[in-house]
N, C-alpha and C. Protein backbone atom coordinates (compact mmCIF):
# COMPACT_ATOMS: atom_id res chain seq x y z
N MET A 1 15.05 -21.31 -31.42
CA MET A 1 14.37 -19.94 -30.71
C MET A 1 14.80 -18.86 -31.82
N ILE A 2 16.00 -18.78 -32.55
CA ILE A 2 16.37 -17.66 -33.50
C ILE A 2 15.20 -17.52 -34.63
N ASN A 3 14.60 -18.72 -35.01
CA ASN A 3 13.82 -18.66 -36.27
C ASN A 3 12.57 -18.00 -35.58
N MET A 4 12.13 -18.09 -34.29
CA MET A 4 10.94 -17.63 -34.06
C MET A 4 11.19 -15.97 -33.30
N LYS A 5 12.29 -15.60 -33.64
CA LYS A 5 12.83 -14.07 -33.41
C LYS A 5 12.25 -13.13 -34.61
N LYS A 6 11.31 -12.27 -34.19
CA LYS A 6 11.10 -11.17 -35.18
C LYS A 6 11.47 -9.87 -34.56
N ILE A 7 12.22 -9.12 -35.62
CA ILE A 7 12.85 -7.81 -35.21
C ILE A 7 11.49 -6.81 -35.59
N ILE A 8 11.19 -5.83 -34.47
CA ILE A 8 10.46 -5.00 -34.82
C ILE A 8 11.05 -3.51 -34.43
N ASN A 9 10.93 -2.65 -35.72
CA ASN A 9 11.49 -1.41 -35.88
C ASN A 9 10.32 -0.62 -36.55
N THR A 10 10.13 0.77 -36.30
CA THR A 10 9.24 1.45 -36.86
C THR A 10 10.18 2.92 -37.08
N LYS A 11 9.61 3.49 -38.38
CA LYS A 11 10.29 4.79 -38.26
C LYS A 11 9.52 5.97 -37.53
N ASN A 12 8.41 5.42 -36.61
CA ASN A 12 7.66 6.31 -35.82
C ASN A 12 8.04 6.24 -34.32
N ALA A 13 9.21 5.78 -34.09
CA ALA A 13 10.01 5.82 -32.95
C ALA A 13 11.42 5.93 -33.19
N PRO A 14 12.32 6.28 -32.11
CA PRO A 14 13.54 6.86 -32.52
C PRO A 14 14.60 5.46 -33.24
N VAL A 15 15.57 5.75 -33.75
CA VAL A 15 16.30 4.90 -34.20
C VAL A 15 17.20 4.64 -33.41
N PRO A 16 17.57 3.24 -33.00
CA PRO A 16 18.29 2.83 -32.01
C PRO A 16 19.76 3.51 -32.00
N ILE A 17 20.17 3.75 -30.75
CA ILE A 17 21.63 4.73 -30.82
C ILE A 17 22.41 3.74 -30.40
N GLY A 18 22.37 2.57 -30.31
CA GLY A 18 23.61 1.41 -30.35
C GLY A 18 23.25 -0.09 -30.75
N PRO A 19 24.00 -0.96 -30.66
CA PRO A 19 23.65 -2.19 -30.97
C PRO A 19 22.34 -3.09 -30.48
N TYR A 20 21.20 -2.43 -30.57
CA TYR A 20 19.97 -3.05 -30.36
C TYR A 20 18.99 -2.60 -31.34
N ASN A 21 17.72 -3.15 -31.09
CA ASN A 21 16.36 -3.18 -31.99
C ASN A 21 15.44 -2.37 -31.09
N GLN A 22 14.59 -1.68 -31.62
CA GLN A 22 13.31 -1.08 -30.94
C GLN A 22 12.78 -2.19 -30.10
N ALA A 23 12.36 -3.34 -30.64
CA ALA A 23 12.01 -4.18 -30.08
C ALA A 23 12.19 -5.59 -30.79
N ILE A 24 11.91 -6.90 -29.82
CA ILE A 24 12.03 -7.97 -30.34
C ILE A 24 10.72 -8.93 -29.95
N LYS A 25 10.24 -9.40 -30.99
CA LYS A 25 8.91 -10.37 -30.61
C LYS A 25 9.46 -11.89 -30.90
N ILE A 26 8.85 -12.61 -29.84
CA ILE A 26 9.33 -14.04 -29.90
C ILE A 26 7.98 -14.59 -29.21
N GLY A 27 7.38 -15.31 -30.26
CA GLY A 27 6.07 -15.94 -30.13
C GLY A 27 4.96 -14.91 -29.81
N ASN A 28 4.39 -14.73 -28.83
CA ASN A 28 3.34 -13.87 -28.61
C ASN A 28 3.81 -12.89 -27.51
N MET A 29 5.00 -13.04 -27.43
CA MET A 29 5.65 -11.89 -26.45
C MET A 29 6.62 -10.74 -26.97
N LEU A 30 6.30 -9.42 -26.71
CA LEU A 30 7.21 -8.41 -27.26
C LEU A 30 8.03 -7.91 -26.21
N PHE A 31 9.27 -7.70 -26.53
CA PHE A 31 10.42 -7.18 -25.30
C PHE A 31 10.82 -5.77 -26.01
N ILE A 32 10.28 -4.79 -25.28
CA ILE A 32 10.60 -3.38 -25.88
C ILE A 32 11.86 -2.77 -25.30
N SER A 33 12.81 -2.29 -26.03
CA SER A 33 13.91 -1.51 -25.43
C SER A 33 13.51 -0.51 -24.82
N GLY A 34 14.31 -0.16 -23.83
CA GLY A 34 14.00 1.23 -23.09
C GLY A 34 14.12 2.34 -24.11
N GLN A 35 13.05 3.22 -23.97
CA GLN A 35 12.85 4.44 -24.68
C GLN A 35 13.13 5.73 -23.94
N VAL A 36 13.88 6.58 -24.60
CA VAL A 36 14.06 7.98 -24.22
C VAL A 36 13.33 8.89 -25.02
N ALA A 37 13.37 10.27 -24.45
CA ALA A 37 12.85 11.26 -25.25
C ALA A 37 13.35 11.83 -26.39
N MET A 38 13.57 11.01 -27.11
CA MET A 38 14.05 11.21 -28.85
C MET A 38 12.84 11.51 -29.71
N ASP A 39 12.60 12.40 -30.68
CA ASP A 39 11.50 12.70 -31.35
C ASP A 39 11.67 12.23 -32.81
N PRO A 40 11.35 11.08 -33.15
CA PRO A 40 11.40 10.69 -34.48
C PRO A 40 10.96 11.48 -35.66
N GLY A 41 10.21 12.45 -35.29
CA GLY A 41 9.51 13.28 -36.31
C GLY A 41 10.41 14.53 -36.54
N ASN A 42 11.41 14.67 -35.68
CA ASN A 42 12.20 15.85 -35.69
C ASN A 42 13.82 15.25 -35.59
N ASN A 43 14.15 14.52 -36.50
CA ASN A 43 15.31 13.98 -36.69
C ASN A 43 16.15 13.25 -35.41
N ASN A 44 15.01 12.73 -34.62
CA ASN A 44 15.64 12.23 -33.35
C ASN A 44 16.11 13.06 -32.37
N GLN A 45 15.61 14.40 -32.59
CA GLN A 45 16.05 15.40 -31.56
C GLN A 45 15.60 15.05 -30.11
N LEU A 46 16.53 15.27 -29.10
CA LEU A 46 16.30 14.86 -27.97
C LEU A 46 15.19 16.08 -27.19
N ILE A 47 14.38 15.79 -26.41
CA ILE A 47 13.09 16.51 -25.83
C ILE A 47 13.74 16.50 -24.43
N LYS A 48 14.01 17.80 -23.74
CA LYS A 48 14.54 17.74 -22.28
C LYS A 48 13.89 19.28 -22.06
N SER A 49 12.86 19.76 -22.32
CA SER A 49 12.43 20.96 -22.03
C SER A 49 11.89 20.82 -20.84
N SER A 50 11.19 19.85 -20.35
CA SER A 50 10.74 19.50 -18.90
C SER A 50 10.44 17.87 -18.82
N ILE A 51 10.38 17.65 -17.69
CA ILE A 51 10.06 16.14 -17.45
C ILE A 51 8.62 15.54 -17.90
N ASN A 52 8.00 16.41 -18.07
CA ASN A 52 6.43 16.22 -18.45
C ASN A 52 6.66 15.87 -20.06
N ASP A 53 7.39 16.88 -20.92
CA ASP A 53 7.69 16.74 -22.16
C ASP A 53 8.36 15.50 -22.33
N GLU A 54 9.38 15.44 -21.59
CA GLU A 54 10.05 13.88 -21.85
C GLU A 54 9.10 12.82 -21.80
N THR A 55 8.42 12.72 -20.69
CA THR A 55 7.69 11.53 -20.40
C THR A 55 6.65 11.39 -21.42
N HIS A 56 5.81 12.21 -22.05
CA HIS A 56 5.18 12.46 -23.03
C HIS A 56 5.71 11.68 -24.09
N GLN A 57 7.17 12.09 -24.50
CA GLN A 57 7.75 11.73 -25.75
C GLN A 57 8.16 10.15 -25.61
N VAL A 58 8.34 9.79 -24.54
CA VAL A 58 8.54 8.25 -24.25
C VAL A 58 7.45 7.41 -24.41
N MET A 59 6.34 7.87 -23.99
CA MET A 59 5.13 7.23 -24.14
C MET A 59 4.74 7.11 -25.71
N LYS A 60 4.94 8.28 -26.41
CA LYS A 60 4.74 8.06 -27.80
C LYS A 60 5.66 7.30 -28.26
N ASN A 61 6.82 7.07 -28.11
CA ASN A 61 7.72 6.15 -28.91
C ASN A 61 7.13 4.76 -28.47
N LEU A 62 6.77 4.57 -27.26
CA LEU A 62 6.53 3.28 -26.98
C LEU A 62 5.41 2.78 -27.67
N SER A 63 4.41 3.75 -27.87
CA SER A 63 3.12 3.12 -28.43
C SER A 63 3.31 2.89 -29.64
N ALA A 64 4.25 3.81 -30.26
CA ALA A 64 4.29 3.66 -31.90
C ALA A 64 5.03 2.10 -32.17
N ILE A 65 5.90 1.77 -31.10
CA ILE A 65 6.58 0.42 -31.24
C ILE A 65 5.26 -0.78 -30.95
N LEU A 66 4.68 -0.42 -30.11
CA LEU A 66 3.50 -1.26 -29.73
C LEU A 66 2.89 -1.57 -31.04
N LYS A 67 2.39 -0.28 -31.52
CA LYS A 67 1.23 -0.22 -32.81
C LYS A 67 2.03 -1.22 -34.16
N GLU A 68 3.36 -0.75 -34.13
CA GLU A 68 4.03 -1.65 -35.30
C GLU A 68 4.02 -3.11 -34.94
N ALA A 69 3.81 -3.61 -33.64
CA ALA A 69 3.50 -5.07 -33.43
C ALA A 69 2.23 -5.48 -33.30
N ASN A 70 1.30 -4.54 -33.93
CA ASN A 70 0.00 -4.73 -33.76
C ASN A 70 -0.61 -4.93 -32.17
N MET A 71 0.04 -4.15 -31.28
CA MET A 71 -0.46 -4.01 -30.03
C MET A 71 -0.68 -2.65 -29.55
N ASP A 72 -1.32 -2.39 -28.21
CA ASP A 72 -1.44 -1.27 -27.68
C ASP A 72 -1.05 -1.54 -26.13
N PHE A 73 -1.11 -0.17 -25.44
CA PHE A 73 -0.67 -0.48 -23.76
C PHE A 73 -1.66 -1.49 -23.19
N LEU A 74 -3.04 -1.88 -23.62
CA LEU A 74 -3.51 -2.94 -22.95
C LEU A 74 -2.72 -4.37 -23.15
N ASN A 75 -1.76 -4.66 -23.89
CA ASN A 75 -1.00 -5.65 -24.01
C ASN A 75 0.27 -5.75 -23.40
N VAL A 76 0.41 -4.51 -22.45
CA VAL A 76 1.79 -4.57 -21.72
C VAL A 76 1.37 -5.17 -20.51
N VAL A 77 2.43 -6.07 -20.08
CA VAL A 77 2.19 -6.93 -18.51
C VAL A 77 3.35 -6.60 -17.76
N LYS A 78 4.41 -5.60 -18.34
CA LYS A 78 5.39 -5.33 -17.37
C LYS A 78 6.15 -4.05 -17.71
N THR A 79 6.44 -3.22 -17.07
CA THR A 79 7.19 -2.02 -17.34
C THR A 79 8.06 -1.71 -16.12
N THR A 80 9.19 -1.14 -16.96
CA THR A 80 10.38 -0.66 -16.03
C THR A 80 10.47 0.73 -16.08
N ILE A 81 10.73 1.49 -15.18
CA ILE A 81 10.68 2.99 -15.43
C ILE A 81 12.13 3.28 -14.42
N PHE A 82 12.91 4.02 -15.40
CA PHE A 82 14.23 4.23 -14.65
C PHE A 82 14.02 5.83 -14.81
N LEU A 83 14.54 6.55 -13.86
CA LEU A 83 14.57 8.16 -13.47
C LEU A 83 15.80 8.45 -12.95
N SER A 84 16.11 9.43 -13.40
CA SER A 84 17.63 10.35 -12.90
C SER A 84 17.67 10.64 -11.33
N ASP A 85 16.04 10.79 -10.97
CA ASP A 85 16.13 11.50 -9.74
C ASP A 85 14.75 11.01 -9.39
N MET A 86 14.42 10.57 -8.17
CA MET A 86 12.90 10.23 -7.44
C MET A 86 12.25 11.39 -7.22
N SER A 87 12.68 12.38 -7.45
CA SER A 87 11.77 13.69 -7.22
C SER A 87 10.70 13.73 -8.65
N TYR A 88 11.04 13.11 -9.47
CA TYR A 88 10.26 13.11 -10.85
C TYR A 88 9.38 12.17 -10.56
N PHE A 89 9.31 11.38 -9.71
CA PHE A 89 8.19 10.12 -9.82
C PHE A 89 6.83 10.73 -9.82
N ASN A 90 6.36 11.81 -9.22
CA ASN A 90 5.06 11.72 -9.15
C ASN A 90 4.40 12.31 -10.76
N GLU A 91 5.30 13.19 -11.16
CA GLU A 91 4.88 13.83 -12.77
C GLU A 91 5.02 12.71 -13.40
N VAL A 92 5.91 11.71 -13.54
CA VAL A 92 6.29 10.69 -14.59
C VAL A 92 5.08 9.80 -14.22
N ASN A 93 4.86 9.34 -13.23
CA ASN A 93 3.90 8.43 -12.69
C ASN A 93 2.46 8.84 -13.12
N ASN A 94 2.16 10.14 -13.21
CA ASN A 94 0.87 10.81 -13.43
C ASN A 94 0.66 10.32 -15.10
N ILE A 95 1.68 10.94 -15.87
CA ILE A 95 1.69 10.92 -17.17
C ILE A 95 1.66 9.47 -17.71
N TYR A 96 2.42 8.59 -17.13
CA TYR A 96 2.57 7.25 -17.39
C TYR A 96 1.12 6.73 -17.41
N GLY A 97 0.44 6.95 -16.14
CA GLY A 97 -0.75 6.34 -15.83
C GLY A 97 -1.89 6.74 -16.88
N SER A 98 -1.65 8.02 -17.30
CA SER A 98 -2.56 8.57 -18.28
C SER A 98 -3.00 7.85 -19.62
N TYR A 99 -2.04 7.19 -19.81
CA TYR A 99 -1.57 6.48 -21.24
C TYR A 99 -2.25 4.96 -21.05
N LEU A 100 -2.63 4.68 -19.73
CA LEU A 100 -3.10 3.29 -19.52
C LEU A 100 -4.56 3.23 -18.92
N LYS A 101 -5.25 2.27 -19.34
CA LYS A 101 -6.77 1.97 -18.92
C LYS A 101 -6.77 1.78 -17.47
N GLU A 102 -7.42 2.52 -16.60
CA GLU A 102 -7.47 2.06 -15.13
C GLU A 102 -8.00 0.63 -15.06
N GLY A 103 -7.49 0.27 -14.01
CA GLY A 103 -7.91 -1.33 -13.77
C GLY A 103 -6.96 -2.30 -14.61
N GLN A 104 -6.38 -1.80 -15.68
CA GLN A 104 -5.69 -2.88 -16.65
C GLN A 104 -4.26 -2.46 -16.68
N GLU A 105 -3.59 -1.80 -15.65
CA GLU A 105 -2.26 -1.35 -15.58
C GLU A 105 -1.44 -2.61 -15.48
N PRO A 106 -0.37 -2.56 -16.04
CA PRO A 106 0.82 -3.78 -15.99
C PRO A 106 1.36 -3.77 -14.68
N ALA A 107 2.30 -4.64 -14.44
CA ALA A 107 3.20 -4.81 -13.15
C ALA A 107 4.41 -3.58 -13.68
N ARG A 108 4.93 -3.16 -12.53
CA ARG A 108 5.79 -2.24 -12.88
C ARG A 108 6.95 -1.98 -11.53
N GLU A 109 8.00 -1.70 -11.74
CA GLU A 109 8.95 -1.08 -10.85
C GLU A 109 9.51 0.20 -11.40
N THR A 110 9.95 1.11 -10.49
CA THR A 110 10.32 2.31 -10.85
C THR A 110 11.80 2.56 -9.97
N VAL A 111 13.01 2.74 -10.80
CA VAL A 111 14.22 2.81 -9.97
C VAL A 111 14.83 4.31 -10.51
N ALA A 112 15.37 4.54 -9.42
CA ALA A 112 16.36 5.86 -9.79
C ALA A 112 17.82 5.43 -9.95
N VAL A 113 18.45 5.87 -10.97
CA VAL A 113 19.57 5.58 -11.40
C VAL A 113 20.61 6.83 -11.38
N LYS A 114 22.05 6.60 -11.58
CA LYS A 114 22.82 7.67 -11.48
C LYS A 114 22.71 8.60 -12.79
N THR A 115 22.87 7.98 -13.86
CA THR A 115 22.64 8.47 -14.94
C THR A 115 21.94 7.63 -16.01
N LEU A 116 21.47 8.30 -17.01
CA LEU A 116 20.79 7.54 -18.26
C LEU A 116 21.63 8.08 -19.61
N PRO A 117 21.26 7.20 -20.52
CA PRO A 117 21.85 7.58 -22.01
C PRO A 117 21.43 9.00 -22.18
N LYS A 118 22.40 9.58 -22.72
CA LYS A 118 22.11 11.21 -23.38
C LYS A 118 21.57 12.12 -22.27
N GLU A 119 21.85 11.61 -21.10
CA GLU A 119 21.68 12.52 -19.79
C GLU A 119 20.09 13.01 -19.52
N VAL A 120 19.26 12.12 -19.99
CA VAL A 120 17.80 12.13 -20.08
C VAL A 120 17.23 11.87 -18.52
N ASN A 121 16.20 12.28 -18.14
CA ASN A 121 15.87 12.05 -17.02
C ASN A 121 14.69 11.02 -16.83
N VAL A 122 14.37 10.34 -17.97
CA VAL A 122 13.39 9.32 -17.82
C VAL A 122 13.61 8.43 -19.07
N GLU A 123 13.78 7.05 -18.78
CA GLU A 123 13.57 5.92 -19.72
C GLU A 123 12.83 4.79 -19.25
N ILE A 124 11.86 4.38 -20.00
CA ILE A 124 10.90 3.40 -19.91
C ILE A 124 11.00 2.40 -20.83
N SER A 125 10.99 0.86 -20.39
CA SER A 125 10.98 -0.39 -21.04
C SER A 125 9.65 -0.97 -21.13
N MET A 126 9.32 -2.14 -21.87
CA MET A 126 8.21 -2.64 -21.67
C MET A 126 8.21 -4.18 -22.09
N ILE A 127 7.32 -4.84 -21.81
CA ILE A 127 7.27 -6.17 -22.21
C ILE A 127 5.60 -6.57 -22.34
N ALA A 128 5.17 -6.92 -23.70
CA ALA A 128 3.62 -7.15 -23.99
C ALA A 128 3.43 -8.20 -24.29
N VAL A 129 2.27 -8.64 -24.31
CA VAL A 129 1.75 -10.15 -24.83
C VAL A 129 0.55 -9.98 -25.57
N ASP A 130 0.37 -10.70 -26.74
CA ASP A 130 -0.63 -10.33 -27.40
C ASP A 130 -1.53 -11.75 -27.17
């Protein structure tokens, strides 16, 4: 199994802030670590101006990782969204949905948690298949 594991990292997504990689590909499956609103084009500066800006940056980071693995959002089969407060659900849901093709959305759950890394308001992880 270890021989089949391919580490996926791109300079177009934030550098991991702990002992993990941006994504791991095993066979045709890609497991993307939770992404927060760090801007890789701005020295991984955290975007916290609004939940809208945070969510767009998270989706851009996920898109960059998918692209590095020669995939896109159509390949995503499962998403997990973590929110610091469920009151952000509608805004995050609308922005998240704008990146997906209608009728091809992945399975998903959204959960509210007490805190997230770096005190962000949204973190999203994905599983994709090519």
